[in-house]
Amino acid sequence: MGYSQAQKEKTHKRIVAIASKRFREKGLAGFGIAELMKEAGLTVGGFYKHFESRDELVAEAFSGAFGTWQRQKEAAASSGQPLSFEKLIDDYVSDAHRKNPGTGCAFSALAPEIARSDKRIRALTSEQIQNDLELLAGLLPGKDKRPVRSRAILTFSALVGAMSLARAASDEALSHEILKTVADLLKHPA
């Protein structure tokens, strides 16, 4: 009995979702196709019914991991509570985000690996960085675009860097201090 197209699409999405999470948890080299397919309840041979190559899977997994802030903004708007700059920062530097890289920001989990990836991944990344900067700039006060964009770049860079360092630190107090300090400075610039 063959798979219907709907079943194949559902399976494809499940494979991409698992890959997206595991890449953010273990890195691009830390999680292989055999492991992925086993977790999805499929055989390694089935991988090529869904993807031409590992690179294609990586690109789709990254696309699925990107857009967290946009989804957060849409969810907030639909609840009648527009997303604020402060809320975005607080959610990003949260302990839940720090402890769960697999469901968090792909940039803080994989930035060094992204920088060494192929042109396709870097192009997807560049597009998402632009989208995130525009979203951040839209949450900031001010009409002069240059300082607003500069602050958006600083904010994005500080958040990604702070989360990366907080995850790297084995000292819990230091980890929390990094996140709290960056959040406070971003929300209340001198």
C-alpha atoms as a PDB file:
ATOM      1  CA  MET A   1       0.000   0.000   0.000  1.00  0.00           C
ATOM      2  CA  GLY A   2       1.545   3.300  -1.072  1.00  0.00           C
ATOM      3  CA  TYR A   3       1.689   6.609   0.692  1.00  0.00           C
ATOM      4  CA  SER A   4      -0.792   9.243  -0.300  1.00  0.00           C
ATOM      5  CA  GLN A   5       0.576  12.658  -1.226  1.00  0.00           C
ATOM      6  CA  ALA A   6      -0.884  14.063   2.001  1.00  0.00           C
ATOM      7  CA  GLN A   7       0.884  11.391   4.066  1.00  0.00           C
ATOM      8  CA  LYS A   8       4.142  12.073   2.250  1.00  0.00           C
ATOM      9  CA  GLU A   9       3.850  15.818   2.918  1.00  0.00           C
ATOM     10  CA  LYS A  10       3.068  15.185   6.592  1.00  0.00           C
ATOM     11  CA  THR A  11       6.085  12.879   6.894  1.00  0.00           C
ATOM     12  CA  HIS A  12       8.276  15.395   5.075  1.00  0.00           C
ATOM     13  CA  LYS A  13       7.239  18.158   7.493  1.00  0.00           C
ATOM     14  CA  ARG A  14       7.908  15.855  10.466  1.00  0.00           C
ATOM     15  CA  ILE A  15      11.416  15.075   9.190  1.00  0.00           C
ATOM     16  CA  VAL A  16      12.144  18.792   8.686  1.00  0.00           C
ATOM     17  CA  ALA A  17      10.811  19.678  12.156  1.00  0.00           C
ATOM     18  CA  ILE A  18      12.947  17.008  13.822  1.00  0.00           C
ATOM     19  CA  ALA A  19      16.014  18.083  11.844  1.00  0.00           C
ATOM     20  CA  SER A  20      15.425  21.742  12.662  1.00  0.00           C
ATOM     21  CA  LYS A  21      15.284  20.992  16.379  1.00  0.00           C
ATOM     22  CA  ARG A  22      18.213  18.558  16.424  1.00  0.00           C
ATOM     23  CA  PHE A  23      20.492  20.810  14.355  1.00  0.00           C
ATOM     24  CA  ARG A  24      19.901  23.621  16.846  1.00  0.00           C
ATOM     25  CA  GLU A  25      20.576  21.252  19.741  1.00  0.00           C
ATOM     26  CA  LYS A  26      23.575  19.362  18.369  1.00  0.00           C
ATOM     27  CA  GLY A  27      24.929  21.428  15.488  1.00  0.00           C
ATOM     28  CA  LEU A  28      24.952  20.609  11.802  1.00  0.00           C
ATOM     29  CA  ALA A  29      27.653  17.966  12.111  1.00  0.00           C
ATOM     30  CA  GLY A  30      26.328  16.563  15.381  1.00  0.00           C
ATOM     31  CA  PHE A  31      23.273  14.890  13.959  1.00  0.00           C
ATOM     32  CA  GLY A  32      23.292  12.441  11.057  1.00  0.00           C
ATOM     33  CA  ILE A  33      20.726  11.233   8.570  1.00  0.00           C
ATOM     34  CA  ALA A  34      20.515   7.741  10.095  1.00  0.00           C
ATOM     35  CA  GLU A  35      19.770   9.213  13.528  1.00  0.00           C
ATOM     36  CA  LEU A  36      17.207  11.587  12.050  1.00  0.00           C
ATOM     37  CA  MET A  37      15.337   8.933  10.130  1.00  0.00           C
ATOM     38  CA  LYS A  38      15.337   6.575  13.099  1.00  0.00           C
ATOM     39  CA  GLU A  39      13.809   9.303  15.275  1.00  0.00           C
ATOM     40  CA  ALA A  40      11.193   9.917  12.562  1.00  0.00           C
ATOM     41  CA  GLY A  41      10.404   6.180  12.541  1.00  0.00           C
ATOM     42  CA  LEU A  42      11.677   5.737   8.996  1.00  0.00           C
ATOM     43  CA  THR A  43      14.526   4.019   7.202  1.00  0.00           C
ATOM     44  CA  VAL A  44      17.621   5.776   5.892  1.00  0.00           C
ATOM     45  CA  GLY A  45      16.600   4.810   2.368  1.00  0.00           C
ATOM     46  CA  GLY A  46      13.376   6.743   2.814  1.00  0.00           C
ATOM     47  CA  PHE A  47      15.360   9.946   3.234  1.00  0.00           C
ATOM     48  CA  TYR A  48      15.958  10.201  -0.518  1.00  0.00           C
ATOM     49  CA  LYS A  49      12.234   9.969  -1.232  1.00  0.00           C
ATOM     50  CA  HIS A  50      11.947  13.325   0.516  1.00  0.00           C
ATOM     51  CA  PHE A  51      15.254  15.110  -0.175  1.00  0.00           C
ATOM     52  CA  GLU A  52      17.823  15.118  -2.939  1.00  0.00           C
ATOM     53  CA  SER A  53      20.650  15.737  -0.479  1.00  0.00           C
ATOM     54  CA  ARG A  54      21.532  16.533   3.122  1.00  0.00           C
ATOM     55  CA  ASP A  55      22.088  20.155   2.033  1.00  0.00           C
ATOM     56  CA  GLU A  56      18.462  20.352   0.873  1.00  0.00           C
ATOM     57  CA  LEU A  57      17.297  19.094   4.275  1.00  0.00           C
ATOM     58  CA  VAL A  58      19.545  21.607   6.064  1.00  0.00           C
ATOM     59  CA  ALA A  59      18.113  24.455   3.987  1.00  0.00           C
ATOM     60  CA  GLU A  60      14.534  23.411   4.762  1.00  0.00           C
ATOM     61  CA  ALA A  61      15.344  22.904   8.443  1.00  0.00           C
ATOM     62  CA  PHE A  62      16.815  26.398   8.634  1.00  0.00           C
ATOM     63  CA  SER A  63      13.806  27.894   6.874  1.00  0.00           C
ATOM     64  CA  GLY A  64      11.582  26.198   9.428  1.00  0.00           C
ATOM     65  CA  ALA A  65      13.689  27.469  12.331  1.00  0.00           C
ATOM     66  CA  PHE A  66      13.657  31.052  11.117  1.00  0.00           C
ATOM     67  CA  GLY A  67      10.803  33.485  11.642  1.00  0.00           C
ATOM     68  CA  THR A  68      10.292  32.981  15.382  1.00  0.00           C
ATOM     69  CA  TRP A  69       9.885  36.698  16.051  1.00  0.00           C
ATOM     70  CA  GLN A  70       7.427  37.082  13.189  1.00  0.00           C
ATOM     71  CA  ARG A  71       5.324  34.212  14.550  1.00  0.00           C
ATOM     72  CA  GLN A  72       5.551  35.762  18.022  1.00  0.00           C
ATOM     73  CA  LYS A  73       4.435  39.134  16.627  1.00  0.00           C
ATOM     74  CA  GLU A  74       1.480  37.565  14.781  1.00  0.00           C
ATOM     75  CA  ALA A  75       0.396  35.597  17.861  1.00  0.00           C
ATOM     76  CA  ALA A  76       0.560  38.724  20.011  1.00  0.00           C
ATOM     77  CA  ALA A  77      -1.438  40.739  17.476  1.00  0.00           C
ATOM     78  CA  SER A  78      -4.133  38.056  17.244  1.00  0.00           C
ATOM     79  CA  SER A  79      -4.503  38.121  21.039  1.00  0.00           C
ATOM     80  CA  GLY A  80      -4.957  41.883  20.975  1.00  0.00           C
ATOM     81  CA  GLN A  81      -1.630  42.546  22.702  1.00  0.00           C
ATOM     82  CA  PRO A  82       0.882  43.862  20.163  1.00  0.00           C
ATOM     83  CA  LEU A  83       4.435  42.631  20.632  1.00  0.00           C
ATOM     84  CA  SER A  84       6.628  45.155  22.397  1.00  0.00           C
ATOM     85  CA  PHE A  85      10.367  45.617  22.169  1.00  0.00           C
ATOM     86  CA  GLU A  86      10.665  44.813  25.890  1.00  0.00           C
ATOM     87  CA  LYS A  87       8.601  41.604  25.595  1.00  0.00           C
ATOM     88  CA  LEU A  88      10.677  40.414  22.655  1.00  0.00           C
ATOM     89  CA  ILE A  89      13.869  40.957  24.674  1.00  0.00           C
ATOM     90  CA  ASP A  90      12.477  39.300  27.805  1.00  0.00           C
ATOM     91  CA  ASP A  91      11.354  36.238  25.840  1.00  0.00           C
ATOM     92  CA  TYR A  92      14.691  35.978  24.055  1.00  0.00           C
ATOM     93  CA  VAL A  93      16.837  36.128  27.200  1.00  0.00           C
ATOM     94  CA  SER A  94      14.529  33.835  29.156  1.00  0.00           C
ATOM     95  CA  ASP A  95      15.797  30.788  30.992  1.00  0.00           C
ATOM     96  CA  ALA A  96      13.455  28.626  28.903  1.00  0.00           C
ATOM     97  CA  HIS A  97      15.159  29.836  25.709  1.00  0.00           C
ATOM     98  CA  ARG A  98      18.617  29.324  27.220  1.00  0.00           C
ATOM     99  CA  LYS A  99      17.831  25.758  28.274  1.00  0.00           C
ATOM    100  CA  ASN A 100      16.072  24.751  25.044  1.00  0.00           C
ATOM    101  CA  PRO A 101      18.183  25.640  22.006  1.00  0.00           C
ATOM    102  CA  GLY A 102      16.291  23.104  19.903  1.00  0.00           C
ATOM    103  CA  THR A 103      13.158  25.218  19.994  1.00  0.00           C
ATOM    104  CA  GLY A 104      14.856  28.604  20.080  1.00  0.00           C
ATOM    105  CA  CYS A 105      16.700  30.981  17.840  1.00  0.00           C
ATOM    106  CA  ALA A 106      18.756  29.320  15.121  1.00  0.00           C
ATOM    107  CA  PHE A 107      21.196  32.232  15.118  1.00  0.00           C
ATOM    108  CA  SER A 108      22.267  31.846  18.752  1.00  0.00           C
ATOM    109  CA  ALA A 109      22.470  28.079  18.327  1.00  0.00           C
ATOM    110  CA  LEU A 110      24.274  27.923  14.984  1.00  0.00           C
ATOM    111  CA  ALA A 111      25.809  31.269  13.933  1.00  0.00           C
ATOM    112  CA  PRO A 112      29.406  29.977  13.562  1.00  0.00           C
ATOM    113  CA  GLU A 113      28.198  26.980  11.565  1.00  0.00           C
ATOM    114  CA  ILE A 114      25.967  29.144   9.394  1.00  0.00           C
ATOM    115  CA  ALA A 115      28.998  31.281   8.547  1.00  0.00           C
ATOM    116  CA  ARG A 116      30.730  28.161   7.182  1.00  0.00           C
ATOM    117  CA  SER A 117      27.683  26.879   5.298  1.00  0.00           C
ATOM    118  CA  ASP A 118      27.009  26.933   1.586  1.00  0.00           C
ATOM    119  CA  LYS A 119      25.689  29.917  -0.374  1.00  0.00           C
ATOM    120  CA  ARG A 120      22.090  28.738  -0.170  1.00  0.00           C
ATOM    121  CA  ILE A 121      22.077  28.624   3.652  1.00  0.00           C
ATOM    122  CA  ARG A 122      23.871  31.961   3.890  1.00  0.00           C
ATOM    123  CA  ALA A 123      21.376  33.544   1.475  1.00  0.00           C
ATOM    124  CA  LEU A 124      18.450  32.249   3.574  1.00  0.00           C
ATOM    125  CA  THR A 125      20.215  33.567   6.659  1.00  0.00           C
ATOM    126  CA  SER A 126      20.825  36.999   5.140  1.00  0.00           C
ATOM    127  CA  GLU A 127      17.162  37.270   4.214  1.00  0.00           C
ATOM    128  CA  GLN A 128      16.078  36.299   7.731  1.00  0.00           C
ATOM    129  CA  ILE A 129      18.517  38.740   9.342  1.00  0.00           C
ATOM    130  CA  GLN A 130      17.005  41.508   7.201  1.00  0.00           C
ATOM    131  CA  ASN A 131      13.485  40.431   8.229  1.00  0.00           C
ATOM    132  CA  ASP A 132      14.408  40.338  11.912  1.00  0.00           C
ATOM    133  CA  LEU A 133      16.101  43.736  11.738  1.00  0.00           C
ATOM    134  CA  GLU A 134      13.006  45.231  10.097  1.00  0.00           C
ATOM    135  CA  LEU A 135      10.778  43.686  12.747  1.00  0.00           C
ATOM    136  CA  LEU A 136      12.989  45.044  15.544  1.00  0.00           C
ATOM    137  CA  ALA A 137      13.160  48.488  13.952  1.00  0.00           C
ATOM    138  CA  GLY A 138       9.367  48.507  13.760  1.00  0.00           C
ATOM    139  CA  LEU A 139       9.176  47.993  17.527  1.00  0.00           C
ATOM    140  CA  LEU A 140      11.529  50.867  18.298  1.00  0.00           C
ATOM    141  CA  PRO A 141      10.533  54.503  18.740  1.00  0.00           C
ATOM    142  CA  GLY A 142      11.837  57.179  16.431  1.00  0.00           C
ATOM    143  CA  LYS A 143      11.256  58.350  12.904  1.00  0.00           C
ATOM    144  CA  ASP A 144      14.857  58.760  11.789  1.00  0.00           C
ATOM    145  CA  LYS A 145      15.553  55.427  10.093  1.00  0.00           C
ATOM    146  CA  ARG A 146      19.339  55.351  10.443  1.00  0.00           C
ATOM    147  CA  PRO A 147      19.532  55.450  14.282  1.00  0.00           C
ATOM    148  CA  VAL A 148      16.560  53.075  14.558  1.00  0.00           C
ATOM    149  CA  ARG A 149      18.213  50.565  12.224  1.00  0.00           C
ATOM    150  CA  SER A 150      21.500  50.939  14.098  1.00  0.00           C
ATOM    151  CA  ARG A 151      19.748  50.179  17.370  1.00  0.00           C
ATOM    152  CA  ALA A 152      18.004  47.185  15.784  1.00  0.00           C
ATOM    153  CA  ILE A 153      21.383  45.836  14.611  1.00  0.00           C
ATOM    154  CA  LEU A 154      22.901  46.383  18.040  1.00  0.00           C
ATOM    155  CA  THR A 155      19.922  44.710  19.729  1.00  0.00           C
ATOM    156  CA  PHE A 156      19.941  41.694  17.435  1.00  0.00           C
ATOM    157  CA  SER A 157      23.704  41.254  17.780  1.00  0.00           C
ATOM    158  CA  ALA A 158      23.596  41.661  21.565  1.00  0.00           C
ATOM    159  CA  LEU A 159      20.764  39.146  21.971  1.00  0.00           C
ATOM    160  CA  VAL A 160      22.378  36.480  19.807  1.00  0.00           C
ATOM    161  CA  GLY A 161      25.775  37.009  21.424  1.00  0.00           C
ATOM    162  CA  ALA A 162      24.384  37.036  24.956  1.00  0.00           C
ATOM    163  CA  MET A 163      22.442  33.820  24.422  1.00  0.00           C
ATOM    164  CA  SER A 164      25.473  32.132  22.861  1.00  0.00           C
ATOM    165  CA  LEU A 165      27.686  33.128  25.807  1.00  0.00           C
ATOM    166  CA  ALA A 166      25.043  32.254  28.394  1.00  0.00           C
ATOM    167  CA  ARG A 167      24.739  28.766  26.927  1.00  0.00           C
ATOM    168  CA  ALA A 168      28.510  28.369  26.755  1.00  0.00           C
ATOM    169  CA  ALA A 169      29.058  29.289  30.418  1.00  0.00           C
ATOM    170  CA  SER A 170      28.962  26.361  32.831  1.00  0.00           C
ATOM    171  CA  ASP A 171      28.465  28.749  35.758  1.00  0.00           C
ATOM    172  CA  GLU A 172      24.691  29.280  36.162  1.00  0.00           C
ATOM    173  CA  ALA A 173      25.118  32.587  37.992  1.00  0.00           C
ATOM    174  CA  LEU A 174      27.346  33.949  35.232  1.00  0.00           C
ATOM    175  CA  SER A 175      24.938  32.732  32.580  1.00  0.00           C
ATOM    176  CA  HIS A 176      22.024  34.520  34.233  1.00  0.00           C
ATOM    177  CA  GLU A 177      24.128  37.644  34.796  1.00  0.00           C
ATOM    178  CA  ILE A 178      25.001  37.848  31.099  1.00  0.00           C
ATOM    179  CA  LEU A 179      21.371  37.598  30.010  1.00  0.00           C
ATOM    180  CA  LYS A 180      20.046  40.004  32.639  1.00  0.00           C
ATOM    181  CA  THR A 181      22.739  42.586  31.979  1.00  0.00           C
ATOM    182  CA  VAL A 182      22.198  42.587  28.222  1.00  0.00           C
ATOM    183  CA  ALA A 183      18.410  42.741  28.629  1.00  0.00           C
ATOM    184  CA  ASP A 184      18.645  45.639  31.068  1.00  0.00           C
ATOM    185  CA  LEU A 185      21.042  47.604  28.855  1.00  0.00           C
ATOM    186  CA  LEU A 186      18.934  47.038  25.742  1.00  0.00           C
ATOM    187  CA  LYS A 187      15.683  48.030  27.414  1.00  0.00           C
ATOM    188  CA  HIS A 188      17.178  50.993  29.289  1.00  0.00           C
ATOM    189  CA  PRO A 189      20.069  52.405  27.239  1.00  0.00           C
ATOM    190  CA  ALA A 190      22.194  55.014  28.981  1.00  0.00           C
END
